[in-house]
Amino acid sequence: MSVCLYHPCYLAVLGLLLSTVWLVAEDNTTRAAFEQAREQYEAKREAQAIAFKRLQVKRLQALESTLAEAAAYEDAKRCRESWQKLKSSITSEDLGALELRFEATEARLEGGGRLLGRAIGNWKTTSKVSWELPDLPSGGYQVWIEHAIVKAPVSVRLSEAQFFVEGSFGKGATKSSLGYLKVSKASDVITLTVSSDDSTLEALEIRALVLVAQAPSV
């Protein structure tokens, strides 16, 4: 007995099987993307934790010197024991982990602008971009912005709860330093605004904000 492969019943079953295969493949792709994002997030948090340790070592060392100069020798000794213990937990592989990176995809957008792939584009003079800060130690951080090449200078302002820093993107650059921003204890959000002519802002793309903690190798 011959079977017609074009019979509606067989076509329906075939369609159901193909739909099931497609759903399984899509689910696996979604799961893989989720796992990749989770691993990247955990790696970033680990790098931040190492950076905070190094900062704390630096500041405890400075405090020890201050206490010793004031003849508070017992306090200076306790301070030295604290930073030595903390320093011993930092491995040689961790010595480069002073860079805190905030991707465009992690930002909150207000007043215009939108995410174009992994960069923020379509800027306006009213645009504000904010990132949530982790529990950073207060102090100075060098500010870098990664961006696409601009055809005209762009003025930039980065601010936190109490302090701000201003700078500009020069023509031909793809990474620009704004100088140093002092981050206060009360700060939990950092906000970026820009200004230039409309055509330059429309073409502007910002990919990441990078904060480099002020601390030498320890």
Foldseek 3Di string as FASTA:
>chain_A
DDDDCPPPVNVVVVVVVVVVVVVVVVVVVVVVVVVVVVVVVVVLVVLVVLLQLQVLLQVLVVVLVVCVVVVVNVVSVVSVVVSVVSVVVADPVNQVSQKRKFWPVQKDKPDAWDDDPRWTAQDDQRIKIKHFDDQHDWFKWKKKWFWDFFPQKKKKWKDWDPWIFIDIDHGPDRMDTRGMITDDNPTGMMMMGMDDDNVRRRGIITTMMMIGDPGHGD
